Amino acid sequence: WYRRAPGKQRELVATVTNRGSTGYADSVKGRFTISRDNA
């Protein structure tokens, strides 16, 4: 998931790998959760 705020550059918000590992931007850690349902 990326986001682009008005007047700002695109920012990577969160990543989930094909094995389910996740990563987050510091600005959203503890508030956002990325997940996937492969089915």
PDB file of all heavy atoms in Angstrom:
ATOM      1  N   TRP A   1       0.857  -1.181   0.000  1.00  0.00           N
ATOM      2  CA  TRP A   1       0.000   0.000   0.000  1.00  0.00           C
ATOM      3  C   TRP A   1       0.898   1.238   0.000  1.00  0.00           C
ATOM      4  O   TRP A   1       1.803   1.345   0.835  1.00  0.00           O
ATOM      5  CB  TRP A   1      -0.915   0.025   1.213  1.00  0.00           C
ATOM      6  CG  TRP A   1      -2.060  -0.922   1.136  1.00  0.00           C
ATOM      7  CD1 TRP A   1      -2.153  -2.155   1.722  1.00  0.00           C
ATOM      8  CD2 TRP A   1      -3.296  -0.717   0.457  1.00  0.00           C
ATOM      9  NE1 TRP A   1      -3.360  -2.732   1.435  1.00  0.00           N
ATOM     10  CE2 TRP A   1      -4.083  -1.864   0.646  1.00  0.00           C
ATOM     11  CE3 TRP A   1      -3.818   0.313  -0.320  1.00  0.00           C
ATOM     12  CZ2 TRP A   1      -5.369  -2.011   0.121  1.00  0.00           C
ATOM     13  CZ3 TRP A   1      -5.093   0.168  -0.855  1.00  0.00           C
ATOM     14  CH2 TRP A   1      -5.851  -0.971  -0.633  1.00  0.00           C
ATOM     15  N   TYR A   2       0.629   2.124  -0.929  1.00  0.00           N
ATOM     16  CA  TYR A   2       1.279   3.427  -0.990  1.00  0.00           C
ATOM     17  C   TYR A   2       0.215   4.501  -0.752  1.00  0.00           C
ATOM     18  O   TYR A   2      -0.984   4.249  -0.859  1.00  0.00           O
ATOM     19  CB  TYR A   2       1.893   3.672  -2.376  1.00  0.00           C
ATOM     20  CG  TYR A   2       3.155   2.928  -2.660  1.00  0.00           C
ATOM     21  CD1 TYR A   2       3.142   1.600  -3.065  1.00  0.00           C
ATOM     22  CD2 TYR A   2       4.391   3.570  -2.575  1.00  0.00           C
ATOM     23  CE1 TYR A   2       4.318   0.927  -3.358  1.00  0.00           C
ATOM     24  CE2 TYR A   2       5.574   2.908  -2.872  1.00  0.00           C
ATOM     25  CZ  TYR A   2       5.526   1.588  -3.262  1.00  0.00           C
ATOM     26  OH  TYR A   2       6.686   0.922  -3.558  1.00  0.00           O
ATOM     27  N   ARG A   3       0.684   5.709  -0.502  1.00  0.00           N
ATOM     28  CA  ARG A   3      -0.236   6.846  -0.441  1.00  0.00           C
ATOM     29  C   ARG A   3       0.469   8.093  -0.971  1.00  0.00           C
ATOM     30  O   ARG A   3       1.694   8.194  -0.928  1.00  0.00           O
ATOM     31  CB  ARG A   3      -0.758   7.090   0.970  1.00  0.00           C
ATOM     32  CG  ARG A   3       0.278   7.554   1.982  1.00  0.00           C
ATOM     33  CD  ARG A   3      -0.353   7.638   3.362  1.00  0.00           C
ATOM     34  NE  ARG A   3       0.615   8.084   4.364  1.00  0.00           N
ATOM     35  CZ  ARG A   3       0.372   8.117   5.659  1.00  0.00           C
ATOM     36  NH1 ARG A   3      -0.824   7.720   6.129  1.00  0.00           N
ATOM     37  NH2 ARG A   3       1.285   8.548   6.512  1.00  0.00           N
ATOM     38  N   ARG A   4      -0.364   8.997  -1.472  1.00  0.00           N
ATOM     39  CA  ARG A   4       0.140  10.299  -1.915  1.00  0.00           C
ATOM     40  C   ARG A   4      -0.755  11.377  -1.340  1.00  0.00           C
ATOM     41  O   ARG A   4      -1.944  11.444  -1.689  1.00  0.00           O
ATOM     42  CB  ARG A   4       0.184  10.396  -3.439  1.00  0.00           C
ATOM     43  CG  ARG A   4       0.878  11.680  -3.915  1.00  0.00           C
ATOM     44  CD  ARG A   4       0.682  11.880  -5.397  1.00  0.00           C
ATOM     45  NE  ARG A   4       1.270  10.818  -6.191  1.00  0.00           N
ATOM     46  CZ  ARG A   4       2.531  10.795  -6.601  1.00  0.00           C
ATOM     47  NH1 ARG A   4       3.347  11.776  -6.261  1.00  0.00           N
ATOM     48  NH2 ARG A   4       2.974   9.806  -7.346  1.00  0.00           N
ATOM     49  N   ALA A   5      -0.184  12.188  -0.474  1.00  0.00           N
ATOM     50  CA  ALA A   5      -0.917  13.304   0.108  1.00  0.00           C
ATOM     51  C   ALA A   5      -0.747  14.533  -0.780  1.00  0.00           C
ATOM     52  O   ALA A   5       0.240  14.627  -1.527  1.00  0.00           O
ATOM     53  CB  ALA A   5      -0.397  13.589   1.507  1.00  0.00           C
ATOM     54  N   PRO A   6      -1.663  15.477  -0.719  1.00  0.00           N
ATOM     55  CA  PRO A   6      -1.563  16.680  -1.548  1.00  0.00           C
ATOM     56  C   PRO A   6      -0.233  17.391  -1.334  1.00  0.00           C
ATOM     57  O   PRO A   6       0.178  17.640  -0.194  1.00  0.00           O
ATOM     58  CB  PRO A   6      -2.732  17.540  -1.064  1.00  0.00           C
ATOM     59  CG  PRO A   6      -3.715  16.561  -0.518  1.00  0.00           C
ATOM     60  CD  PRO A   6      -2.902  15.463   0.091  1.00  0.00           C
ATOM     61  N   GLY A   7       0.469  17.652  -2.418  1.00  0.00           N
ATOM     62  CA  GLY A   7       1.721  18.380  -2.347  1.00  0.00           C
ATOM     63  C   GLY A   7       2.902  17.574  -1.838  1.00  0.00           C
ATOM     64  O   GLY A   7       3.982  18.127  -1.628  1.00  0.00           O
ATOM     65  N   LYS A   8       2.728  16.264  -1.676  1.00  0.00           N
ATOM     66  CA  LYS A   8       3.815  15.429  -1.151  1.00  0.00           C
ATOM     67  C   LYS A   8       4.129  14.303  -2.123  1.00  0.00           C
ATOM     68  O   LYS A   8       3.344  13.973  -2.997  1.00  0.00           O
ATOM     69  CB  LYS A   8       3.434  14.861   0.211  1.00  0.00           C
ATOM     70  CG  LYS A   8       3.284  15.914   1.309  1.00  0.00           C
ATOM     71  CD  LYS A   8       3.083  15.265   2.664  1.00  0.00           C
ATOM     72  CE  LYS A   8       3.013  16.307   3.760  1.00  0.00           C
ATOM     73  NZ  LYS A   8       2.835  15.670   5.103  1.00  0.00           N
ATOM     74  N   GLN A   9       5.288  13.699  -1.923  1.00  0.00           N
ATOM     75  CA  GLN A   9       5.683  12.567  -2.753  1.00  0.00           C
ATOM     76  C   GLN A   9       4.943  11.308  -2.293  1.00  0.00           C
ATOM     77  O   GLN A   9       4.486  11.193  -1.162  1.00  0.00           O
ATOM     78  CB  GLN A   9       7.195  12.351  -2.655  1.00  0.00           C
ATOM     79  CG  GLN A   9       8.004  13.435  -3.339  1.00  0.00           C
ATOM     80  CD  GLN A   9       9.480  13.105  -3.369  1.00  0.00           C
ATOM     81  OE1 GLN A   9       9.987  12.398  -2.516  1.00  0.00           O
ATOM     82  NE2 GLN A   9      10.173  13.607  -4.388  1.00  0.00           N
ATOM     83  N   ARG A  10       4.898  10.367  -3.214  1.00  0.00           N
ATOM     84  CA  ARG A  10       4.298   9.070  -2.885  1.00  0.00           C
ATOM     85  C   ARG A  10       5.103   8.404  -1.784  1.00  0.00           C
ATOM     86  O   ARG A  10       6.331   8.420  -1.800  1.00  0.00           O
ATOM     87  CB  ARG A  10       4.250   8.198  -4.136  1.00  0.00           C
ATOM     88  CG  ARG A  10       3.533   6.876  -3.958  1.00  0.00           C
ATOM     89  CD  ARG A  10       3.480   6.142  -5.270  1.00  0.00           C
ATOM     90  NE  ARG A  10       4.809   5.821  -5.743  1.00  0.00           N
ATOM     91  CZ  ARG A  10       5.086   5.444  -6.991  1.00  0.00           C
ATOM     92  NH1 ARG A  10       4.096   5.365  -7.878  1.00  0.00           N
ATOM     93  NH2 ARG A  10       6.313   5.148  -7.344  1.00  0.00           N
ATOM     94  N   GLU A  11       4.403   7.766  -0.851  1.00  0.00           N
ATOM     95  CA  GLU A  11       5.029   7.151   0.318  1.00  0.00           C
ATOM     96  C   GLU A  11       4.606   5.688   0.409  1.00  0.00           C
ATOM     97  O   GLU A  11       3.416   5.376   0.288  1.00  0.00           O
ATOM     98  CB  GLU A  11       4.589   7.899   1.586  1.00  0.00           C
ATOM     99  CG  GLU A  11       5.042   7.279   2.882  1.00  0.00           C
ATOM    100  CD  GLU A  11       4.419   7.947   4.110  1.00  0.00           C
ATOM    101  OE1 GLU A  11       3.364   8.579   3.968  1.00  0.00           O
ATOM    102  OE2 GLU A  11       4.997   7.814   5.207  1.00  0.00           O
ATOM    103  N   LEU A  12       5.585   4.813   0.649  1.00  0.00           N
ATOM    104  CA  LEU A  12       5.261   3.406   0.912  1.00  0.00           C
ATOM    105  C   LEU A  12       4.756   3.295   2.340  1.00  0.00           C
ATOM    106  O   LEU A  12       5.472   3.627   3.277  1.00  0.00           O
ATOM    107  CB  LEU A  12       6.490   2.522   0.696  1.00  0.00           C
ATOM    108  CG  LEU A  12       6.329   1.043   1.030  1.00  0.00           C
ATOM    109  CD1 LEU A  12       5.247   0.399   0.195  1.00  0.00           C
ATOM    110  CD2 LEU A  12       7.656   0.310   0.852  1.00  0.00           C
ATOM    111  N   VAL A  13       3.546   2.799   2.504  1.00  0.00           N
ATOM    112  CA  VAL A  13       2.904   2.726   3.807  1.00  0.00           C
ATOM    113  C   VAL A  13       3.111   1.370   4.460  1.00  0.00           C
ATOM    114  O   VAL A  13       3.467   1.283   5.641  1.00  0.00           O
ATOM    115  CB  VAL A  13       1.395   3.017   3.665  1.00  0.00           C
ATOM    116  CG1 VAL A  13       0.680   2.828   4.993  1.00  0.00           C
ATOM    117  CG2 VAL A  13       1.172   4.417   3.125  1.00  0.00           C
ATOM    118  N   ALA A  14       2.876   0.306   3.700  1.00  0.00           N
ATOM    119  CA  ALA A  14       2.943  -1.037   4.287  1.00  0.00           C
ATOM    120  C   ALA A  14       3.184  -2.066   3.196  1.00  0.00           C
ATOM    121  O   ALA A  14       2.763  -1.865   2.049  1.00  0.00           O
ATOM    122  CB  ALA A  14       1.658  -1.371   5.039  1.00  0.00           C
ATOM    123  N   THR A  15       3.844  -3.154   3.585  1.00  0.00           N
ATOM    124  CA  THR A  15       4.170  -4.251   2.675  1.00  0.00           C
ATOM    125  C   THR A  15       3.840  -5.579   3.334  1.00  0.00           C
ATOM    126  O   THR A  15       4.086  -5.749   4.540  1.00  0.00           O
ATOM    127  CB  THR A  15       5.662  -4.227   2.312  1.00  0.00           C
ATOM    128  OG1 THR A  15       5.953  -3.038   1.600  1.00  0.00           O
ATOM    129  CG2 THR A  15       6.045  -5.427   1.469  1.00  0.00           C
ATOM    130  N   VAL A  16       3.314  -6.512   2.533  1.00  0.00           N
ATOM    131  CA  VAL A  16       3.173  -7.894   3.000  1.00  0.00           C
ATOM    132  C   VAL A  16       3.768  -8.797   1.931  1.00  0.00           C
ATOM    133  O   VAL A  16       3.428  -8.686   0.747  1.00  0.00           O
ATOM    134  CB  VAL A  16       1.705  -8.251   3.306  1.00  0.00           C
ATOM    135  CG1 VAL A  16       0.787  -8.082   2.114  1.00  0.00           C
ATOM    136  CG2 VAL A  16       1.612  -9.660   3.889  1.00  0.00           C
ATOM    137  N   THR A  17       4.690  -9.661   2.327  1.00  0.00           N
ATOM    138  CA  THR A  17       5.328 -10.553   1.364  1.00  0.00           C
ATOM    139  C   THR A  17       4.404 -11.725   1.043  1.00  0.00           C
ATOM    140  O   THR A  17       3.364 -11.920   1.659  1.00  0.00           O
ATOM    141  CB  THR A  17       6.648 -11.098   1.901  1.00  0.00           C
ATOM    142  OG1 THR A  17       6.352 -12.018   2.965  1.00  0.00           O
ATOM    143  CG2 THR A  17       7.545  -9.990   2.410  1.00  0.00           C
ATOM    144  N   ASN A  18       4.833 -12.511   0.047  1.00  0.00           N
ATOM    145  CA  ASN A  18       4.019 -13.664  -0.331  1.00  0.00           C
ATOM    146  C   ASN A  18       3.979 -14.709   0.787  1.00  0.00           C
ATOM    147  O   ASN A  18       3.126 -15.591   0.793  1.00  0.00           O
ATOM    148  CB  ASN A  18       4.498 -14.279  -1.644  1.00  0.00           C
ATOM    149  CG  ASN A  18       5.950 -14.681  -1.591  1.00  0.00           C
ATOM    150  OD1 ASN A  18       6.636 -14.396  -0.636  1.00  0.00           O
ATOM    151  ND2 ASN A  18       6.420 -15.320  -2.656  1.00  0.00           N
ATOM    152  N   ARG A  19       4.893 -14.607   1.754  1.00  0.00           N
ATOM    153  CA  ARG A  19       4.895 -15.523   2.896  1.00  0.00           C
ATOM    154  C   ARG A  19       4.239 -14.927   4.129  1.00  0.00           C
ATOM    155  O   ARG A  19       4.207 -15.553   5.186  1.00  0.00           O
ATOM    156  CB  ARG A  19       6.319 -15.955   3.227  1.00  0.00           C
ATOM    157  CG  ARG A  19       6.956 -16.752   2.103  1.00  0.00           C
ATOM    158  CD  ARG A  19       8.308 -17.311   2.513  1.00  0.00           C
ATOM    159  NE  ARG A  19       8.888 -18.152   1.470  1.00  0.00           N
ATOM    160  CZ  ARG A  19      10.019 -18.847   1.631  1.00  0.00           C
ATOM    161  NH1 ARG A  19      10.665 -18.799   2.785  1.00  0.00           N
ATOM    162  NH2 ARG A  19      10.484 -19.576   0.634  1.00  0.00           N
ATOM    163  N   GLY A  20       3.760 -13.662   4.003  1.00  0.00           N
ATOM    164  CA  GLY A  20       3.034 -13.064   5.106  1.00  0.00           C
ATOM    165  C   GLY A  20       3.829 -12.157   6.018  1.00  0.00           C
ATOM    166  O   GLY A  20       3.275 -11.622   6.993  1.00  0.00           O
ATOM    167  N   SER A  21       5.109 -11.958   5.753  1.00  0.00           N
ATOM    168  CA  SER A  21       5.885 -11.006   6.541  1.00  0.00           C
ATOM    169  C   SER A  21       5.445  -9.593   6.211  1.00  0.00           C
ATOM    170  O   SER A  21       5.089  -9.307   5.062  1.00  0.00           O
ATOM    171  CB  SER A  21       7.378 -11.168   6.245  1.00  0.00           C
ATOM    172  OG  SER A  21       7.827 -12.449   6.620  1.00  0.00           O
ATOM    173  N   THR A  22       5.467  -8.737   7.204  1.00  0.00           N
ATOM    174  CA  THR A  22       4.962  -7.375   7.018  1.00  0.00           C
ATOM    175  C   THR A  22       6.001  -6.324   7.384  1.00  0.00           C
ATOM    176  O   THR A  22       6.929  -6.586   8.161  1.00  0.00           O
ATOM    177  CB  THR A  22       3.704  -7.138   7.867  1.00  0.00           C
ATOM    178  OG1 THR A  22       4.010  -7.348   9.241  1.00  0.00           O
ATOM    179  CG2 THR A  22       2.583  -8.083   7.452  1.00  0.00           C
ATOM    180  N   GLY A  23       5.819  -5.143   6.822  1.00  0.00           N
ATOM    181  CA  GLY A  23       6.656  -3.996   7.137  1.00  0.00           C
ATOM    182  C   GLY A  23       5.834  -2.725   7.027  1.00  0.00           C
ATOM    183  O   GLY A  23       4.865  -2.679   6.251  1.00  0.00           O
ATOM    184  N   TYR A  24       6.225  -1.692   7.802  1.00  0.00           N
ATOM    185  CA  TYR A  24       5.430  -0.471   7.872  1.00  0.00           C
ATOM    186  C   TYR A  24       6.318   0.760   7.884  1.00  0.00           C
ATOM    187  O   TYR A  24       7.444   0.739   8.396  1.00  0.00           O
ATOM    188  CB  TYR A  24       4.584  -0.459   9.155  1.00  0.00           C
ATOM    189  CG  TYR A  24       3.605  -1.602   9.247  1.00  0.00           C
ATOM    190  CD1 TYR A  24       3.946  -2.790   9.875  1.00  0.00           C
ATOM    191  CD2 TYR A  24       2.342  -1.486   8.674  1.00  0.00           C
ATOM    192  CE1 TYR A  24       3.054  -3.846   9.937  1.00  0.00           C
ATOM    193  CE2 TYR A  24       1.434  -2.536   8.746  1.00  0.00           C
ATOM    194  CZ  TYR A  24       1.803  -3.714   9.373  1.00  0.00           C
ATOM    195  OH  TYR A  24       0.919  -4.760   9.436  1.00  0.00           O
ATOM    196  N   ALA A  25       5.771   1.850   7.349  1.00  0.00           N
ATOM    197  CA  ALA A  25       6.403   3.140   7.514  1.00  0.00           C
ATOM    198  C   ALA A  25       6.323   3.538   8.990  1.00  0.00           C
ATOM    199  O   ALA A  25       5.360   3.186   9.688  1.00  0.00           O
ATOM    200  CB  ALA A  25       5.694   4.178   6.656  1.00  0.00           C
ATOM    201  N   ASP A  26       7.330   4.279   9.450  1.00  0.00           N
ATOM    202  CA  ASP A  26       7.339   4.694  10.853  1.00  0.00           C
ATOM    203  C   ASP A  26       6.087   5.491  11.209  1.00  0.00           C
ATOM    204  O   ASP A  26       5.588   5.414  12.337  1.00  0.00           O
ATOM    205  CB  ASP A  26       8.585   5.532  11.140  1.00  0.00           C
ATOM    206  CG  ASP A  26       9.849   4.697  11.183  1.00  0.00           C
ATOM    207  OD1 ASP A  26       9.758   3.460  11.308  1.00  0.00           O
ATOM    208  OD2 ASP A  26      10.943   5.295  11.079  1.00  0.00           O
ATOM    209  N   SER A  27       5.572   6.238  10.255  1.00  0.00           N
ATOM    210  CA  SER A  27       4.432   7.115  10.518  1.00  0.00           C
ATOM    211  C   SER A  27       3.140   6.356  10.810  1.00  0.00           C
ATOM    212  O   SER A  27       2.192   6.945  11.337  1.00  0.00           O
ATOM    213  CB  SER A  27       4.212   8.059   9.328  1.00  0.00           C
ATOM    214  OG  SER A  27       4.013   7.322   8.137  1.00  0.00           O
ATOM    215  N   VAL A  28       3.095   5.065  10.470  1.00  0.00           N
ATOM    216  CA  VAL A  28       1.850   4.304  10.678  1.00  0.00           C
ATOM    217  C   VAL A  28       2.027   3.106  11.594  1.00  0.00           C
ATOM    218  O   VAL A  28       1.055   2.417  11.897  1.00  0.00           O
ATOM    219  CB  VAL A  28       1.248   3.839   9.328  1.00  0.00           C
ATOM    220  CG1 VAL A  28       1.064   5.027   8.389  1.00  0.00           C
ATOM    221  CG2 VAL A  28       2.089   2.758   8.681  1.00  0.00           C
ATOM    222  N   LYS A  29       3.254   2.847  12.029  1.00  0.00           N
ATOM    223  CA  LYS A  29       3.499   1.693  12.902  1.00  0.00           C
ATOM    224  C   LYS A  29       2.640   1.772  14.164  1.00  0.00           C
ATOM    225  O   LYS A  29       2.525   2.831  14.783  1.00  0.00           O
ATOM    226  CB  LYS A  29       4.972   1.641  13.298  1.00  0.00           C
ATOM    227  CG  LYS A  29       5.859   0.974  12.284  1.00  0.00           C
ATOM    228  CD  LYS A  29       7.308   0.922  12.764  1.00  0.00           C
ATOM    229  CE  LYS A  29       8.207   0.312  11.719  1.00  0.00           C
ATOM    230  NZ  LYS A  29       9.631   0.345  12.141  1.00  0.00           N
ATOM    231  N   GLY A  30       2.038   0.633  14.506  1.00  0.00           N
ATOM    232  CA  GLY A  30       1.190   0.575  15.689  1.00  0.00           C
ATOM    233  C   GLY A  30      -0.239   1.014  15.430  1.00  0.00           C
ATOM    234  O   GLY A  30      -1.105   0.825  16.297  1.00  0.00           O
ATOM    235  N   ARG A  31      -0.506   1.591  14.255  1.00  0.00           N
ATOM    236  CA  ARG A  31      -1.862   2.056  13.942  1.00  0.00           C
ATOM    237  C   ARG A  31      -2.458   1.311  12.744  1.00  0.00           C
ATOM    238  O   ARG A  31      -3.670   1.089  12.700  1.00  0.00           O
ATOM    239  CB  ARG A  31      -1.855   3.551  13.635  1.00  0.00           C
ATOM    240  CG  ARG A  31      -1.369   4.414  14.779  1.00  0.00           C
ATOM    241  CD  ARG A  31      -1.575   5.894  14.488  1.00  0.00           C
ATOM    242  NE  ARG A  31      -0.824   6.350  13.320  1.00  0.00           N
ATOM    243  CZ  ARG A  31      -1.374   6.898  12.241  1.00  0.00           C
ATOM    244  NH1 ARG A  31      -2.695   7.065  12.181  1.00  0.00           N
ATOM    245  NH2 ARG A  31      -0.616   7.309  11.245  1.00  0.00           N
ATOM    246  N   PHE A  32      -1.626   0.963  11.783  1.00  0.00           N
ATOM    247  CA  PHE A  32      -2.085   0.286  10.563  1.00  0.00           C
ATOM    248  C   PHE A  32      -1.638  -1.168  10.579  1.00  0.00           C
ATOM    249  O   PHE A  32      -0.568  -1.496  11.082  1.00  0.00           O
ATOM    250  CB  PHE A  32      -1.507   0.945   9.320  1.00  0.00           C
ATOM    251  CG  PHE A  32      -2.034   2.317   8.997  1.00  0.00           C
ATOM    252  CD1 PHE A  32      -2.817   3.038   9.894  1.00  0.00           C
ATOM    253  CD2 PHE A  32      -1.755   2.896   7.755  1.00  0.00           C
ATOM    254  CE1 PHE A  32      -3.295   4.295   9.590  1.00  0.00           C
ATOM    255  CE2 PHE A  32      -2.222   4.148   7.434  1.00  0.00           C
ATOM    256  CZ  PHE A  32      -2.987   4.861   8.363  1.00  0.00           C
ATOM    257  N   THR A  33      -2.464  -2.020   9.990  1.00  0.00           N
ATOM    258  CA  THR A  33      -2.135  -3.436   9.857  1.00  0.00           C
ATOM    259  C   THR A  33      -2.452  -3.895   8.440  1.00  0.00           C
ATOM    260  O   THR A  33      -3.586  -3.740   7.968  1.00  0.00           O
ATOM    261  CB  THR A  33      -2.936  -4.284  10.850  1.00  0.00           C
ATOM    262  OG1 THR A  33      -2.673  -3.845  12.185  1.00  0.00           O
ATOM    263  CG2 THR A  33      -2.546  -5.762  10.736  1.00  0.00           C
ATOM    264  N   ILE A  34      -1.442  -4.455   7.777  1.00  0.00           N
ATOM    265  CA  ILE A  34      -1.639  -5.013   6.447  1.00  0.00           C
ATOM    266  C   ILE A  34      -1.785  -6.523   6.569  1.00  0.00           C
ATOM    267  O   ILE A  34      -1.135  -7.165   7.406  1.00  0.00           O
ATOM    268  CB  ILE A  34      -0.475  -4.638   5.501  1.00  0.00           C
ATOM    269  CG1 ILE A  34      -0.788  -5.028   4.059  1.00  0.00           C
ATOM    270  CG2 ILE A  34       0.845  -5.255   5.966  1.00  0.00           C
ATOM    271  CD1 ILE A  34       0.230  -4.479   3.042  1.00  0.00           C
ATOM    272  N   SER A  35      -2.665  -7.082   5.760  1.00  0.00           N
ATOM    273  CA  SER A  35      -2.861  -8.534   5.763  1.00  0.00           C
ATOM    274  C   SER A  35      -3.302  -8.970   4.374  1.00  0.00           C
ATOM    275  O   SER A  35      -3.663  -8.133   3.540  1.00  0.00           O
ATOM    276  CB  SER A  35      -3.905  -8.935   6.811  1.00  0.00           C
ATOM    277  OG  SER A  35      -5.155  -8.349   6.530  1.00  0.00           O
ATOM    278  N   ARG A  36      -3.263 -10.270   4.150  1.00  0.00           N
ATOM    279  CA  ARG A  36      -3.667 -10.785   2.845  1.00  0.00           C
ATOM    280  C   ARG A  36      -4.436 -12.078   3.018  1.00  0.00           C
ATOM    281  O   ARG A  36      -4.199 -12.829   3.965  1.00  0.00           O
ATOM    282  CB  ARG A  36      -2.461 -11.000   1.932  1.00  0.00           C
ATOM    283  CG  ARG A  36      -1.478 -12.061   2.407  1.00  0.00           C
ATOM    284  CD  ARG A  36      -0.182 -11.992   1.600  1.00  0.00           C
ATOM    285  NE  ARG A  36      -0.412 -12.308   0.193  1.00  0.00           N
ATOM    286  CZ  ARG A  36       0.438 -11.975  -0.786  1.00  0.00           C
ATOM    287  NH1 ARG A  36       1.548 -11.301  -0.502  1.00  0.00           N
ATOM    288  NH2 ARG A  36       0.170 -12.306  -2.020  1.00  0.00           N
ATOM    289  N   ASP A  37      -5.355 -12.315   2.090  1.00  0.00           N
ATOM    290  CA  ASP A  37      -6.111 -13.553   2.037  1.00  0.00           C
ATOM    291  C   ASP A  37      -5.869 -14.133   0.652  1.00  0.00           C
ATOM    292  O   ASP A  37      -6.484 -13.689  -0.328  1.00  0.00           O
ATOM    293  CB  ASP A  37      -7.596 -13.269   2.276  1.00  0.00           C
ATOM    294  CG  ASP A  37      -8.444 -14.530   2.343  1.00  0.00           C
ATOM    295  OD1 ASP A  37      -8.015 -15.564   1.775  1.00  0.00           O
ATOM    296  OD2 ASP A  37      -9.523 -14.484   2.935  1.00  0.00           O
ATOM    297  N   ASN A  38      -4.966 -15.093   0.561  1.00  0.00           N
ATOM    298  CA  ASN A  38      -4.601 -15.632  -0.739  1.00  0.00           C
ATOM    299  C   ASN A  38      -5.769 -16.373  -1.407  1.00  0.00           C
ATOM    300  O   ASN A  38      -5.845 -16.430  -2.634  1.00  0.00           O
ATOM    301  CB  ASN A  38      -3.399 -16.549  -0.619  1.00  0.00           C
ATOM    302  CG  ASN A  38      -2.116 -15.796  -0.330  1.00  0.00           C
ATOM    303  OD1 ASN A  38      -2.025 -14.594  -0.574  1.00  0.00           O
ATOM    304  ND2 ASN A  38      -1.131 -16.487   0.225  1.00  0.00           N
ATOM    305  N   ALA A  39      -6.661 -16.938  -0.604  1.00  0.00           N
ATOM    306  CA  ALA A  39      -7.812 -17.639  -1.176  1.00  0.00           C
ATOM    307  C   ALA A  39      -8.749 -16.675  -1.897  1.00  0.00           C
ATOM    308  O   ALA A  39      -9.445 -17.061  -2.839  1.00  0.00           O
ATOM    309  CB  ALA A  39      -8.558 -18.388  -0.086  1.00  0.00           C
TER     310      ALA A  39
END
